[in-house]
Amino acid sequence: MKFNLALNALLLIIAGVISSSAYSATTPNPIVTFDAATTDAVFNVTSKGWSDPAFGNAGWTHSSKWGSFHAEQGQIVSINIRATNVGIHPAATVWYRGASDTAADNYVPDHFYIQNADFFKWGATNESTGEKLGNIVMEHIVHGYDLDNNTAAIKKLNGKLDKIAGRLVLNVRIPYTGDYMFVVGAFNPDSTVDTTKKYDLKVRVKTVQ
């Protein structure tokens, strides 16, 4: 039994490495660094950028916007996202970039992402120049989307109700001291929304405890 469990674990690791080899490391410019001096920003995103049914329900790196922050273990960091159009339902995922993440933090593994999983690429290279970047290892911490007046209630994507449509608040209890990266997009817009346009999301990141 122990042998079978170990073999299954090894096969999963090998499968992960093989699948990650197809990734193309990319830079989702600009990445906004949030700190004591910069707590607010406006992100311009597509209405389905965090999860698009037309593309396997993946999140699209360049249809979303990205932020980063540094935090200490045990702190609570609040990410408050408010759409200027309530028909847009904000969504976000937070990852930790720890010691095993040896690539520069302006790179992510691919042009798409899975919202509720680790995001990694071993031995990443710049897709344009072939430059060796190191390992990109982003450990999933938390994710969620605005469920108020949203017609899609998908348990694994962690819908959040707060009685305010067009708003998402993620309060993240920090598990490790270090650097964090997060993506902000939108999911399942109302039928009245023009999906060919981009929309502004007001983002505030603050340490609340």
Foldseek 3Di string as FASTA:
>chain_A
DVVVVVVVVVVVVVVVQVVLQPWAKDFQPDEAEDDPVRFKDKWWAFLAQCFDVVVVGWHFSNRWYKYKYFDAAQWKKKKKKFFPDLLRKKKKWKWFFDDQAQFDPRIFGHRTHHRAAKGWHAQHAHNPPRHTGGIHTTGTFDIEIDPVVAPDDDVSRHHDDDPRRRMDMDIGRHHHGTMMMMIMYTNRGDPVDDRVGITMMMIGMDTDD
